[in-house]
Amino acid sequence: MAALDLSDVLSAPATALVGASVGTNWQEVIIPTWCTVVTVTTTHSAYYALPTGRAGDTQPADGNAASGTDNKVPVLVAGSEGKFAVVMRHPFDRPAVVGVTPNRSIFLAAQSGTAGMQIELGVG
């Protein structure tokens, strides 16, 4: 499974289809540096995860099973559609240490079966 690279998107808000049938393996979405909030719309219950960088955590990786990741967050969907927002960083944040790059990926997976997923990239 190839990562969905949206790093070259230049305008906000921007909408992209992650997939009509995202399975239980992680789908990586690479977001642009200007994006501070990612809003995900999903047709079924899902997980999302961000790499933590903490020693000992099982990190998400594109194509790997979501079940093996320690720091995943469950999102339950009641009805035909659910929506949730993930704050990637505060708009005024700057790296605390020179050379440290902020997290630019979010990982998405269905909790079971498949889920249709769409994201909106935003600022503020």
PDB file of N, CA and C in Angstrom:
ATOM      1  N   MET A   1       0.861  -1.167   0.000  1.00  0.00           N
ATOM      2  CA  MET A   1       0.000   0.000   0.000  1.00  0.00           C
ATOM      3  C   MET A   1       0.904   1.225   0.000  1.00  0.00           C
ATOM      4  N   ALA A   2       0.667   2.125  -0.904  1.00  0.00           N
ATOM      5  CA  ALA A   2       1.494   3.329  -0.998  1.00  0.00           C
ATOM      6  C   ALA A   2       0.882   4.464  -0.187  1.00  0.00           C
ATOM      7  N   ALA A   3       1.750   5.249   0.413  1.00  0.00           N
ATOM      8  CA  ALA A   3       1.289   6.409   1.175  1.00  0.00           C
ATOM      9  C   ALA A   3       0.611   7.404   0.235  1.00  0.00           C
ATOM     10  N   LEU A   4      -0.411   8.077   0.743  1.00  0.00           N
ATOM     11  CA  LEU A   4      -1.084   9.137  -0.006  1.00  0.00           C
ATOM     12  C   LEU A   4      -0.347  10.426   0.319  1.00  0.00           C
ATOM     13  N   ASP A   5       0.419  10.936  -0.635  1.00  0.00           N
ATOM     14  CA  ASP A   5       1.271  12.106  -0.411  1.00  0.00           C
ATOM     15  C   ASP A   5       0.547  13.375  -0.842  1.00  0.00           C
ATOM     16  N   LEU A   6       0.131  14.168   0.152  1.00  0.00           N
ATOM     17  CA  LEU A   6      -0.540  15.435  -0.112  1.00  0.00           C
ATOM     18  C   LEU A   6       0.363  16.620   0.238  1.00  0.00           C
ATOM     19  N   SER A   7       1.660  16.373   0.381  1.00  0.00           N
ATOM     20  CA  SER A   7       2.587  17.409   0.819  1.00  0.00           C
ATOM     21  C   SER A   7       2.717  18.566  -0.164  1.00  0.00           C
ATOM     22  N   ASP A   8       2.316  18.352  -1.417  1.00  0.00           N
ATOM     23  CA  ASP A   8       2.424  19.424  -2.406  1.00  0.00           C
ATOM     24  C   ASP A   8       1.139  20.235  -2.578  1.00  0.00           C
ATOM     25  N   VAL A   9       0.108  19.963  -1.774  1.00  0.00           N
ATOM     26  CA  VAL A   9      -1.141  20.734  -1.829  1.00  0.00           C
ATOM     27  C   VAL A   9      -0.857  22.133  -1.311  1.00  0.00           C
ATOM     28  N   LEU A  10      -1.313  23.152  -2.056  1.00  0.00           N
ATOM     29  CA  LEU A  10      -0.950  24.528  -1.733  1.00  0.00           C
ATOM     30  C   LEU A  10      -2.082  25.388  -1.190  1.00  0.00           C
ATOM     31  N   SER A  11      -3.318  24.886  -1.148  1.00  0.00           N
ATOM     32  CA  SER A  11      -4.425  25.733  -0.705  1.00  0.00           C
ATOM     33  C   SER A  11      -5.234  25.061   0.393  1.00  0.00           C
ATOM     34  N   ALA A  12      -5.860  25.904   1.217  1.00  0.00           N
ATOM     35  CA  ALA A  12      -6.692  25.393   2.311  1.00  0.00           C
ATOM     36  C   ALA A  12      -8.059  26.047   2.237  1.00  0.00           C
ATOM     37  N   PRO A  13      -9.122  25.353   2.561  1.00  0.00           N
ATOM     38  CA  PRO A  13      -9.122  23.925   2.883  1.00  0.00           C
ATOM     39  C   PRO A  13      -8.984  23.082   1.625  1.00  0.00           C
ATOM     40  N   ALA A  14      -8.448  21.903   1.781  1.00  0.00           N
ATOM     41  CA  ALA A  14      -8.300  20.965   0.673  1.00  0.00           C
ATOM     42  C   ALA A  14      -8.901  19.638   1.093  1.00  0.00           C
ATOM     43  N   THR A  15      -9.594  18.979   0.184  1.00  0.00           N
ATOM     44  CA  THR A  15     -10.244  17.703   0.464  1.00  0.00           C
ATOM     45  C   THR A  15      -9.641  16.627  -0.426  1.00  0.00           C
ATOM     46  N   ALA A  16      -9.440  15.430   0.144  1.00  0.00           N
ATOM     47  CA  ALA A  16      -8.908  14.318  -0.635  1.00  0.00           C
ATOM     48  C   ALA A  16      -9.563  13.020  -0.176  1.00  0.00           C
ATOM     49  N   LEU A  17      -9.809  12.131  -1.117  1.00  0.00           N
ATOM     50  CA  LEU A  17     -10.340  10.806  -0.820  1.00  0.00           C
ATOM     51  C   LEU A  17      -9.167   9.918  -0.418  1.00  0.00           C
ATOM     52  N   VAL A  18      -9.209   9.392   0.795  1.00  0.00           N
ATOM     53  CA  VAL A  18      -8.170   8.461   1.243  1.00  0.00           C
ATOM     54  C   VAL A  18      -8.395   7.119   0.568  1.00  0.00           C
ATOM     55  N   GLY A  19      -9.648   6.688   0.533  1.00  0.00           N
ATOM     56  CA  GLY A  19      -9.985   5.443  -0.134  1.00  0.00           C
ATOM     57  C   GLY A  19     -11.432   5.084   0.089  1.00  0.00           C
ATOM     58  N   ALA A  20     -12.026   4.429  -0.897  1.00  0.00           N
ATOM     59  CA  ALA A  20     -13.415   3.984  -0.779  1.00  0.00           C
ATOM     60  C   ALA A  20     -13.510   2.748   0.110  1.00  0.00           C
ATOM     61  N   SER A  21     -12.400   2.020   0.249  1.00  0.00           N
ATOM     62  CA  SER A  21     -12.414   0.822   1.091  1.00  0.00           C
ATOM     63  C   SER A  21     -11.062   0.667   1.786  1.00  0.00           C
ATOM     64  N   VAL A  22     -10.822   1.503   2.781  1.00  0.00           N
ATOM     65  CA  VAL A  22      -9.610   1.405   3.591  1.00  0.00           C
ATOM     66  C   VAL A  22      -9.791   0.221   4.540  1.00  0.00           C
ATOM     67  N   GLY A  23      -8.824  -0.674   4.551  1.00  0.00           N
ATOM     68  CA  GLY A  23      -8.924  -1.883   5.370  1.00  0.00           C
ATOM     69  C   GLY A  23      -8.336  -1.706   6.758  1.00  0.00           C
ATOM     70  N   THR A  24      -7.989  -2.823   7.382  1.00  0.00           N
ATOM     71  CA  THR A  24      -7.497  -2.809   8.760  1.00  0.00           C
ATOM     72  C   THR A  24      -5.983  -2.608   8.842  1.00  0.00           C
ATOM     73  N   ASN A  25      -5.331  -2.434   7.715  1.00  0.00           N
ATOM     74  CA  ASN A  25      -3.915  -2.077   7.699  1.00  0.00           C
ATOM     75  C   ASN A  25      -3.802  -0.563   7.556  1.00  0.00           C
ATOM     76  N   TRP A  26      -2.735  -0.003   8.131  1.00  0.00           N
ATOM     77  CA  TRP A  26      -2.558   1.451   8.119  1.00  0.00           C
ATOM     78  C   TRP A  26      -2.413   2.013   6.717  1.00  0.00           C
ATOM     79  N   GLN A  27      -3.114   3.107   6.480  1.00  0.00           N
ATOM     80  CA  GLN A  27      -2.945   3.916   5.269  1.00  0.00           C
ATOM     81  C   GLN A  27      -2.319   5.227   5.721  1.00  0.00           C
ATOM     82  N   GLU A  28      -1.096   5.479   5.282  1.00  0.00           N
ATOM     83  CA  GLU A  28      -0.406   6.717   5.653  1.00  0.00           C
ATOM     84  C   GLU A  28      -0.853   7.852   4.748  1.00  0.00           C
ATOM     85  N   VAL A  29      -1.104   9.010   5.349  1.00  0.00           N
ATOM     86  CA  VAL A  29      -1.404  10.229   4.604  1.00  0.00           C
ATOM     87  C   VAL A  29      -0.368  11.268   5.027  1.00  0.00           C
ATOM     88  N   ILE A  30       0.424  11.726   4.066  1.00  0.00           N
ATOM     89  CA  ILE A  30       1.452  12.738   4.328  1.00  0.00           C
ATOM     90  C   ILE A  30       0.836  14.103   4.059  1.00  0.00           C
ATOM     91  N   ILE A  31       0.860  14.960   5.063  1.00  0.00           N
ATOM     92  CA  ILE A  31       0.172  16.248   4.947  1.00  0.00           C
ATOM     93  C   ILE A  31       1.170  17.378   4.695  1.00  0.00           C
ATOM     94  N   PRO A  32       0.697  18.485   4.118  1.00  0.00           N
ATOM     95  CA  PRO A  32       1.590  19.625   3.876  1.00  0.00           C
ATOM     96  C   PRO A  32       2.024  20.300   5.185  1.00  0.00           C
ATOM     97  N   THR A  33       3.128  21.011   5.146  1.00  0.00           N
ATOM     98  CA  THR A  33       3.663  21.651   6.344  1.00  0.00           C
ATOM     99  C   THR A  33       2.735  22.726   6.897  1.00  0.00           C
ATOM    100  N   TRP A  34       1.902  23.341   6.056  1.00  0.00           N
ATOM    101  CA  TRP A  34       1.011  24.410   6.531  1.00  0.00           C
ATOM    102  C   TRP A  34      -0.218  23.874   7.265  1.00  0.00           C
ATOM    103  N   CYS A  35      -0.523  22.605   7.127  1.00  0.00           N
ATOM    104  CA  CYS A  35      -1.744  22.025   7.693  1.00  0.00           C
ATOM    105  C   CYS A  35      -1.618  21.878   9.211  1.00  0.00           C
ATOM    106  N   THR A  36      -2.601  22.408   9.927  1.00  0.00           N
ATOM    107  CA  THR A  36      -2.595  22.293  11.389  1.00  0.00           C
ATOM    108  C   THR A  36      -3.700  21.372  11.905  1.00  0.00           C
ATOM    109  N   VAL A  37      -4.762  21.169  11.110  1.00  0.00           N
ATOM    110  CA  VAL A  37      -5.885  20.326  11.522  1.00  0.00           C
ATOM    111  C   VAL A  37      -6.272  19.408  10.367  1.00  0.00           C
ATOM    112  N   VAL A  38      -6.429  18.120  10.671  1.00  0.00           N
ATOM    113  CA  VAL A  38      -6.909  17.151   9.696  1.00  0.00           C
ATOM    114  C   VAL A  38      -8.279  16.678  10.174  1.00  0.00           C
ATOM    115  N   THR A  39      -9.300  16.839   9.329  1.00  0.00           N
ATOM    116  CA  THR A  39     -10.644  16.355   9.647  1.00  0.00           C
ATOM    117  C   THR A  39     -10.908  15.124   8.791  1.00  0.00           C
ATOM    118  N   VAL A  40     -11.266  14.031   9.446  1.00  0.00           N
ATOM    119  CA  VAL A  40     -11.487  12.753   8.757  1.00  0.00           C
ATOM    120  C   VAL A  40     -12.964  12.412   8.807  1.00  0.00           C
ATOM    121  N   THR A  41     -13.525  12.065   7.662  1.00  0.00           N
ATOM    122  CA  THR A  41     -14.893  11.555   7.565  1.00  0.00           C
ATOM    123  C   THR A  41     -14.782  10.077   7.211  1.00  0.00           C
ATOM    124  N   THR A  42     -15.467   9.223   7.975  1.00  0.00           N
ATOM    125  CA  THR A  42     -15.381   7.779   7.750  1.00  0.00           C
ATOM    126  C   THR A  42     -16.771   7.147   7.793  1.00  0.00           C
ATOM    127  N   THR A  43     -16.948   6.087   7.011  1.00  0.00           N
ATOM    128  CA  THR A  43     -18.244   5.412   6.940  1.00  0.00           C
ATOM    129  C   THR A  43     -18.416   4.342   8.016  1.00  0.00           C
ATOM    130  N   HIS A  44     -17.319   3.919   8.639  1.00  0.00           N
ATOM    131  CA  HIS A  44     -17.364   2.901   9.689  1.00  0.00           C
ATOM    132  C   HIS A  44     -16.363   3.252  10.778  1.00  0.00           C
ATOM    133  N   SER A  45     -16.458   2.563  11.905  1.00  0.00           N
ATOM    134  CA  SER A  45     -15.526   2.800  13.008  1.00  0.00           C
ATOM    135  C   SER A  45     -14.090   2.607  12.536  1.00  0.00           C
ATOM    136  N   ALA A  46     -13.209   3.469  13.040  1.00  0.00           N
ATOM    137  CA  ALA A  46     -11.840   3.506  12.524  1.00  0.00           C
ATOM    138  C   ALA A  46     -10.841   3.713  13.653  1.00  0.00           C
ATOM    139  N   TYR A  47      -9.573   3.654  13.290  1.00  0.00           N
ATOM    140  CA  TYR A  47      -8.462   4.017  14.161  1.00  0.00           C
ATOM    141  C   TYR A  47      -7.672   5.120  13.466  1.00  0.00           C
ATOM    142  N   TYR A  48      -7.020   5.947  14.276  1.00  0.00           N
ATOM    143  CA  TYR A  48      -5.988   6.804  13.728  1.00  0.00           C
ATOM    144  C   TYR A  48      -4.797   6.751  14.663  1.00  0.00           C
ATOM    145  N   ALA A  49      -3.627   7.045  14.127  1.00  0.00           N
ATOM    146  CA  ALA A  49      -2.411   7.041  14.936  1.00  0.00           C
ATOM    147  C   ALA A  49      -1.428   8.050  14.358  1.00  0.00           C
ATOM    148  N   LEU A  50      -0.629   8.587  15.242  1.00  0.00           N
ATOM    149  CA  LEU A  50       0.475   9.461  14.873  1.00  0.00           C
ATOM    150  C   LEU A  50       1.743   8.840  15.448  1.00  0.00           C
ATOM    151  N   PRO A  51       2.869   8.895  14.723  1.00  0.00           N
ATOM    152  CA  PRO A  51       4.111   8.388  15.312  1.00  0.00           C
ATOM    153  C   PRO A  51       4.451   9.180  16.574  1.00  0.00           C
ATOM    154  N   THR A  52       4.835   8.480  17.637  1.00  0.00           N
ATOM    155  CA  THR A  52       5.115   9.158  18.906  1.00  0.00           C
ATOM    156  C   THR A  52       6.593   9.450  19.114  1.00  0.00           C
ATOM    157  N   GLY A  53       7.455   8.606  18.582  1.00  0.00           N
ATOM    158  CA  GLY A  53       8.876   8.776  18.821  1.00  0.00           C
ATOM    159  C   GLY A  53       9.317   8.284  20.191  1.00  0.00           C
ATOM    160  N   ARG A  54       8.382   7.733  20.977  1.00  0.00           N
ATOM    161  CA  ARG A  54       8.738   7.215  22.310  1.00  0.00           C
ATOM    162  C   ARG A  54       9.355   5.826  22.185  1.00  0.00           C
ATOM    163  N   ALA A  55      10.440   5.633  22.907  1.00  0.00           N
ATOM    164  CA  ALA A  55      11.099   4.327  22.915  1.00  0.00           C
ATOM    165  C   ALA A  55      10.140   3.279  23.469  1.00  0.00           C
ATOM    166  N   GLY A  56      10.062   2.143  22.812  1.00  0.00           N
ATOM    167  CA  GLY A  56       9.213   1.050  23.274  1.00  0.00           C
ATOM    168  C   GLY A  56       7.832   1.014  22.644  1.00  0.00           C
ATOM    169  N   ASP A  57       7.365   2.138  22.085  1.00  0.00           N
ATOM    170  CA  ASP A  57       6.067   2.144  21.410  1.00  0.00           C
ATOM    171  C   ASP A  57       6.172   1.446  20.064  1.00  0.00           C
ATOM    172  N   THR A  58       5.165   0.662  19.712  1.00  0.00           N
ATOM    173  CA  THR A  58       5.075   0.094  18.373  1.00  0.00           C
ATOM    174  C   THR A  58       4.475   1.170  17.478  1.00  0.00           C
ATOM    175  N   GLN A  59       5.257   1.671  16.543  1.00  0.00           N
ATOM    176  CA  GLN A  59       4.855   2.796  15.705  1.00  0.00           C
ATOM    177  C   GLN A  59       4.023   2.316  14.512  1.00  0.00           C
ATOM    178  N   PRO A  60       3.087   3.161  14.039  1.00  0.00           N
ATOM    179  CA  PRO A  60       2.349   2.799  12.828  1.00  0.00           C
ATOM    180  C   PRO A  60       3.268   2.888  11.612  1.00  0.00           C
ATOM    181  N   ALA A  61       3.012   2.058  10.622  1.00  0.00           N
ATOM    182  CA  ALA A  61       3.762   2.092   9.366  1.00  0.00           C
ATOM    183  C   ALA A  61       2.809   1.739   8.243  1.00  0.00           C
ATOM    184  N   ASP A  62       2.943   2.411   7.116  1.00  0.00           N
ATOM    185  CA  ASP A  62       2.060   2.210   5.979  1.00  0.00           C
ATOM    186  C   ASP A  62       2.010   0.740   5.587  1.00  0.00           C
ATOM    187  N   GLY A  63       0.802   0.180   5.530  1.00  0.00           N
ATOM    188  CA  GLY A  63       0.603  -1.207   5.129  1.00  0.00           C
ATOM    189  C   GLY A  63       0.657  -2.215   6.260  1.00  0.00           C
ATOM    190  N   ASN A  64       1.150  -1.816   7.439  1.00  0.00           N
ATOM    191  CA  ASN A  64       1.195  -2.744   8.575  1.00  0.00           C
ATOM    192  C   ASN A  64      -0.174  -2.839   9.243  1.00  0.00           C
ATOM    193  N   ALA A  65      -0.390  -3.929   9.954  1.00  0.00           N
ATOM    194  CA  ALA A  65      -1.668  -4.138  10.640  1.00  0.00           C
ATOM    195  C   ALA A  65      -1.837  -3.134  11.771  1.00  0.00           C
ATOM    196  N   ALA A  66      -2.998  -2.494  11.826  1.00  0.00           N
ATOM    197  CA  ALA A  66      -3.280  -1.524  12.887  1.00  0.00           C
ATOM    198  C   ALA A  66      -3.325  -2.194  14.252  1.00  0.00           C
ATOM    199  N   SER A  67      -3.670  -3.478  14.280  1.00  0.00           N
ATOM    200  CA  SER A  67      -3.800  -4.181  15.557  1.00  0.00           C
ATOM    201  C   SER A  67      -2.493  -4.245  16.329  1.00  0.00           C
ATOM    202  N   GLY A  68      -1.356  -4.122  15.667  1.00  0.00           N
ATOM    203  CA  GLY A  68      -0.067  -4.220  16.333  1.00  0.00           C
ATOM    204  C   GLY A  68       0.492  -2.895  16.814  1.00  0.00           C
ATOM    205  N   THR A  69      -0.272  -1.818  16.723  1.00  0.00           N
ATOM    206  CA  THR A  69       0.218  -0.493  17.110  1.00  0.00           C
ATOM    207  C   THR A  69      -0.276  -0.139  18.504  1.00  0.00           C
ATOM    208  N   ASP A  70       0.648   0.278  19.367  1.00  0.00           N
ATOM    209  CA  ASP A  70       0.317   0.605  20.766  1.00  0.00           C
ATOM    210  C   ASP A  70      -0.520   1.864  20.908  1.00  0.00           C
ATOM    211  N   ASN A  71      -0.209   2.884  20.147  1.00  0.00           N
ATOM    212  CA  ASN A  71      -0.770   4.213  20.394  1.00  0.00           C
ATOM    213  C   ASN A  71      -1.907   4.598  19.446  1.00  0.00           C
ATOM    214  N   LYS A  72      -2.693   3.635  19.013  1.00  0.00           N
ATOM    215  CA  LYS A  72      -3.804   3.959  18.122  1.00  0.00           C
ATOM    216  C   LYS A  72      -4.993   4.487  18.923  1.00  0.00           C
ATOM    217  N   VAL A  73      -5.793   5.330  18.282  1.00  0.00           N
ATOM    218  CA  VAL A  73      -6.965   5.921  18.936  1.00  0.00           C
ATOM    219  C   VAL A  73      -8.211   5.415  18.215  1.00  0.00           C
ATOM    220  N   PRO A  74      -9.144   4.764  18.934  1.00  0.00           N
ATOM    221  CA  PRO A  74     -10.368   4.284  18.286  1.00  0.00           C
ATOM    222  C   PRO A  74     -11.371   5.416  18.097  1.00  0.00           C
ATOM    223  N   VAL A  75     -12.058   5.387  16.965  1.00  0.00           N
ATOM    224  CA  VAL A  75     -13.129   6.335  16.672  1.00  0.00           C
ATOM    225  C   VAL A  75     -14.355   5.510  16.322  1.00  0.00           C
ATOM    226  N   LEU A  76     -15.397   5.602  17.146  1.00  0.00           N
ATOM    227  CA  LEU A  76     -16.606   4.824  16.923  1.00  0.00           C
ATOM    228  C   LEU A  76     -17.592   5.615  16.081  1.00  0.00           C
ATOM    229  N   VAL A  77     -18.205   4.948  15.124  1.00  0.00           N
ATOM    230  CA  VAL A  77     -19.182   5.582  14.246  1.00  0.00           C
ATOM    231  C   VAL A  77     -20.542   4.954  14.503  1.00  0.00           C
ATOM    232  N   ALA A  78     -21.508   5.771  14.869  1.00  0.00           N
ATOM    233  CA  ALA A  78     -22.889   5.329  15.043  1.00  0.00           C
ATOM    234  C   ALA A  78     -23.689   5.918  13.896  1.00  0.00           C
ATOM    235  N   GLY A  79     -24.305   5.076  13.118  1.00  0.00           N
ATOM    236  CA  GLY A  79     -25.026   5.574  11.950  1.00  0.00           C
ATOM    237  C   GLY A  79     -24.203   5.375  10.694  1.00  0.00           C
ATOM    238  N   SER A  80     -24.466   6.205   9.691  1.00  0.00           N
ATOM    239  CA  SER A  80     -23.854   5.996   8.385  1.00  0.00           C
ATOM    240  C   SER A  80     -22.532   6.732   8.183  1.00  0.00           C
ATOM    241  N   GLU A  81     -22.198   7.678   9.087  1.00  0.00           N
ATOM    242  CA  GLU A  81     -20.986   8.450   8.851  1.00  0.00           C
ATOM    243  C   GLU A  81     -20.507   9.077  10.157  1.00  0.00           C
ATOM    244  N   GLY A  82     -19.198   9.123  10.323  1.00  0.00           N
ATOM    245  CA  GLY A  82     -18.608   9.774  11.483  1.00  0.00           C
ATOM    246  C   GLY A  82     -17.551  10.751  11.039  1.00  0.00           C
ATOM    247  N   LYS A  83     -17.303  11.757  11.868  1.00  0.00           N
ATOM    248  CA  LYS A  83     -16.311  12.770  11.539  1.00  0.00           C
ATOM    249  C   LYS A  83     -15.533  13.102  12.799  1.00  0.00           C
ATOM    250  N   PHE A  84     -14.214  13.224  12.655  1.00  0.00           N
ATOM    251  CA  PHE A  84     -13.378  13.615  13.783  1.00  0.00           C
ATOM    252  C   PHE A  84     -12.220  14.469  13.286  1.00  0.00           C
ATOM    253  N   ALA A  85     -11.705  15.305  14.171  1.00  0.00           N
ATOM    254  CA  ALA A  85     -10.598  16.197  13.822  1.00  0.00           C
ATOM    255  C   ALA A  85      -9.382  15.857  14.665  1.00  0.00           C
ATOM    256  N   VAL A  86      -8.215  15.946  14.044  1.00  0.00           N
ATOM    257  CA  VAL A  86      -6.950  15.713  14.719  1.00  0.00           C
ATOM    258  C   VAL A  86      -6.113  16.980  14.568  1.00  0.00           C
ATOM    259  N   VAL A  87      -5.749  17.573  15.701  1.00  0.00           N
ATOM    260  CA  VAL A  87      -4.888  18.763  15.671  1.00  0.00           C
ATOM    261  C   VAL A  87      -3.455  18.278  15.506  1.00  0.00           C
ATOM    262  N   MET A  88      -2.834  18.646  14.402  1.00  0.00           N
ATOM    263  CA  MET A  88      -1.473  18.211  14.110  1.00  0.00           C
ATOM    264  C   MET A  88      -0.445  19.074  14.839  1.00  0.00           C
ATOM    265  N   ARG A  89      -0.736  20.355  14.967  1.00  0.00           N
ATOM    266  CA  ARG A  89       0.138  21.278  15.692  1.00  0.00           C
ATOM    267  C   ARG A  89      -0.586  22.602  15.815  1.00  0.00           C
ATOM    268  N   HIS A  90      -0.186  23.407  16.779  1.00  0.00           N
ATOM    269  CA  HIS A  90      -0.728  24.754  16.916  1.00  0.00           C
ATOM    270  C   HIS A  90      -0.163  25.604  15.780  1.00  0.00           C
ATOM    271  N   PRO A  91      -0.954  26.519  15.193  1.00  0.00           N
ATOM    272  CA  PRO A  91      -0.467  27.309  14.061  1.00  0.00           C
ATOM    273  C   PRO A  91       0.799  28.112  14.345  1.00  0.00           C
ATOM    274  N   PHE A  92       1.058  28.463  15.607  1.00  0.00           N
ATOM    275  CA  PHE A  92       2.235  29.264  15.927  1.00  0.00           C
ATOM    276  C   PHE A  92       3.409  28.447  16.429  1.00  0.00           C
ATOM    277  N   ASP A  93       3.268  27.122  16.483  1.00  0.00           N
ATOM    278  CA  ASP A  93       4.361  26.271  16.951  1.00  0.00           C
ATOM    279  C   ASP A  93       5.557  26.348  16.022  1.00  0.00           C
ATOM    280  N   ARG A  94       6.707  26.359  16.619  1.00  0.00           N
ATOM    281  CA  ARG A  94       7.970  26.273  15.897  1.00  0.00           C
ATOM    282  C   ARG A  94       8.745  25.132  16.546  1.00  0.00           C
ATOM    283  N   PRO A  95       9.652  24.503  15.816  1.00  0.00           N
ATOM    284  CA  PRO A  95      10.429  23.428  16.440  1.00  0.00           C
ATOM    285  C   PRO A  95      11.173  23.930  17.672  1.00  0.00           C
ATOM    286  N   ALA A  96      11.105  23.162  18.753  1.00  0.00           N
ATOM    287  CA  ALA A  96      11.794  23.544  19.983  1.00  0.00           C
ATOM    288  C   ALA A  96      13.302  23.356  19.848  1.00  0.00           C
ATOM    289  N   VAL A  97      13.695  22.422  19.010  1.00  0.00           N
ATOM    290  CA  VAL A  97      15.108  22.136  18.799  1.00  0.00           C
ATOM    291  C   VAL A  97      15.382  22.253  17.306  1.00  0.00           C
ATOM    292  N   VAL A  98      16.404  23.005  16.962  1.00  0.00           N
ATOM    293  CA  VAL A  98      16.763  23.156  15.554  1.00  0.00           C
ATOM    294  C   VAL A  98      17.044  21.779  14.962  1.00  0.00           C
ATOM    295  N   GLY A  99      16.474  21.525  13.803  1.00  0.00           N
ATOM    296  CA  GLY A  99      16.671  20.243  13.137  1.00  0.00           C
ATOM    297  C   GLY A  99      15.584  19.226  13.436  1.00  0.00           C
ATOM    298  N   VAL A 100      14.715  19.495  14.406  1.00  0.00           N
ATOM    299  CA  VAL A 100      13.616  18.584  14.706  1.00  0.00           C
ATOM    300  C   VAL A 100      12.461  18.921  13.770  1.00  0.00           C
ATOM    301  N   THR A 101      11.968  17.939  13.065  1.00  0.00           N
ATOM    302  CA  THR A 101      10.858  18.188  12.154  1.00  0.00           C
ATOM    303  C   THR A 101       9.559  17.703  12.773  1.00  0.00           C
ATOM    304  N   PRO A 102       8.486  18.470  12.599  1.00  0.00           N
ATOM    305  CA  PRO A 102       7.201  18.046  13.173  1.00  0.00           C
ATOM    306  C   PRO A 102       6.633  16.846  12.426  1.00  0.00           C
ATOM    307  N   ASN A 103       5.701  16.164  13.079  1.00  0.00           N
ATOM    308  CA  ASN A 103       5.036  15.017  12.485  1.00  0.00           C
ATOM    309  C   ASN A 103       4.237  15.469  11.266  1.00  0.00           C
ATOM    310  N   ARG A 104       4.450  14.865  10.135  1.00  0.00           N
ATOM    311  CA  ARG A 104       3.753  15.244   8.918  1.00  0.00           C
ATOM    312  C   ARG A 104       2.901  14.119   8.366  1.00  0.00           C
ATOM    313  N   SER A 105       2.687  13.070   9.147  1.00  0.00           N
ATOM    314  CA  SER A 105       1.867  11.944   8.683  1.00  0.00           C
ATOM    315  C   SER A 105       0.803  11.602   9.711  1.00  0.00           C
ATOM    316  N   ILE A 106      -0.337  11.174   9.185  1.00  0.00           N
ATOM    317  CA  ILE A 106      -1.384  10.593  10.009  1.00  0.00           C
ATOM    318  C   ILE A 106      -1.676   9.230   9.385  1.00  0.00           C
ATOM    319  N   PHE A 107      -1.946   8.245  10.231  1.00  0.00           N
ATOM    320  CA  PHE A 107      -2.221   6.886   9.772  1.00  0.00           C
ATOM    321  C   PHE A 107      -3.668   6.551  10.081  1.00  0.00           C
ATOM    322  N   LEU A 108      -4.370   5.972   9.103  1.00  0.00           N
ATOM    323  CA  LEU A 108      -5.795   5.658   9.230  1.00  0.00           C
ATOM    324  C   LEU A 108      -6.039   4.193   8.884  1.00  0.00           C
ATOM    325  N   ALA A 109      -6.999   3.566   9.588  1.00  0.00           N
ATOM    326  CA  ALA A 109      -7.375   2.179   9.312  1.00  0.00           C
ATOM    327  C   ALA A 109      -8.790   1.944   9.818  1.00  0.00           C
ATOM    328  N   ALA A 110      -9.471   0.999   9.197  1.00  0.00           N
ATOM    329  CA  ALA A 110     -10.791   0.572   9.677  1.00  0.00           C
ATOM    330  C   ALA A 110     -10.592  -0.331  10.890  1.00  0.00           C
ATOM    331  N   GLN A 111     -11.538  -0.309  11.834  1.00  0.00           N
ATOM    332  CA  GLN A 111     -11.439  -1.214  12.980  1.00  0.00           C
ATOM    333  C   GLN A 111     -11.701  -2.652  12.565  1.00  0.00           C
ATOM    334  N   SER A 112     -12.601  -2.846  11.605  1.00  0.00           N
ATOM    335  CA  SER A 112     -12.865  -4.170  11.047  1.00  0.00           C
ATOM    336  C   SER A 112     -13.418  -3.970   9.647  1.00  0.00           C
ATOM    337  N   GLY A 113     -13.231  -4.966   8.804  1.00  0.00           N
ATOM    338  CA  GLY A 113     -13.720  -4.847   7.427  1.00  0.00           C
ATOM    339  C   GLY A 113     -13.053  -3.687   6.699  1.00  0.00           C
ATOM    340  N   THR A 114     -13.879  -2.865   6.071  1.00  0.00           N
ATOM    341  CA  THR A 114     -13.356  -1.699   5.355  1.00  0.00           C
ATOM    342  C   THR A 114     -14.196  -0.469   5.686  1.00  0.00           C
ATOM    343  N   ALA A 115     -13.630   0.692   5.428  1.00  0.00           N
ATOM    344  CA  ALA A 115     -14.337   1.953   5.641  1.00  0.00           C
ATOM    345  C   ALA A 115     -13.955   2.919   4.538  1.00  0.00           C
ATOM    346  N   GLY A 116     -14.924   3.676   4.060  1.00  0.00           N
ATOM    347  CA  GLY A 116     -14.637   4.760   3.134  1.00  0.00           C
ATOM    348  C   GLY A 116     -14.151   5.952   3.944  1.00  0.00           C
ATOM    349  N   MET A 117     -13.053   6.568   3.519  1.00  0.00           N
ATOM    350  CA  MET A 117     -12.491   7.685   4.285  1.00  0.00           C
ATOM    351  C   MET A 117     -12.110   8.843   3.374  1.00  0.00           C
ATOM    352  N   GLN A 118     -12.411  10.025   3.878  1.00  0.00           N
ATOM    353  CA  GLN A 118     -12.060  11.263   3.184  1.00  0.00           C
ATOM    354  C   GLN A 118     -11.452  12.206   4.226  1.00  0.00           C
ATOM    355  N   ILE A 119     -10.473  13.023   3.815  1.00  0.00           N
ATOM    356  CA  ILE A 119      -9.904  13.977   4.757  1.00  0.00           C
ATOM    357  C   ILE A 119     -10.003  15.396   4.226  1.00  0.00           C
ATOM    358  N   GLU A 120     -10.023  16.319   5.160  1.00  0.00           N
ATOM    359  CA  GLU A 120      -9.955  17.743   4.819  1.00  0.00           C
ATOM    360  C   GLU A 120      -8.780  18.326   5.571  1.00  0.00           C
ATOM    361  N   LEU A 121      -7.920  19.023   4.842  1.00  0.00           N
ATOM    362  CA  LEU A 121      -6.753  19.679   5.433  1.00  0.00           C
ATOM    363  C   LEU A 121      -7.127  21.121   5.733  1.00  0.00           C
ATOM    364  N   GLY A 122      -6.813  21.576   6.940  1.00  0.00           N
ATOM    365  CA  GLY A 122      -7.179  22.925   7.308  1.00  0.00           C
ATOM    366  C   GLY A 122      -6.098  23.619   8.130  1.00  0.00           C
ATOM    367  N   VAL A 123      -6.331  24.898   8.368  1.00  0.00           N
ATOM    368  CA  VAL A 123      -5.439  25.698   9.220  1.00  0.00           C
ATOM    369  C   VAL A 123      -6.279  26.371  10.294  1.00  0.00           C
ATOM    370  N   GLY A 124      -5.629  26.682  11.405  1.00  0.00           N
ATOM    371  CA  GLY A 124      -6.278  27.479  12.434  1.00  0.00           C
ATOM    372  C   GLY A 124      -7.023  26.769  13.466  1.00  0.00           C
TER     373      GLY A 124
END
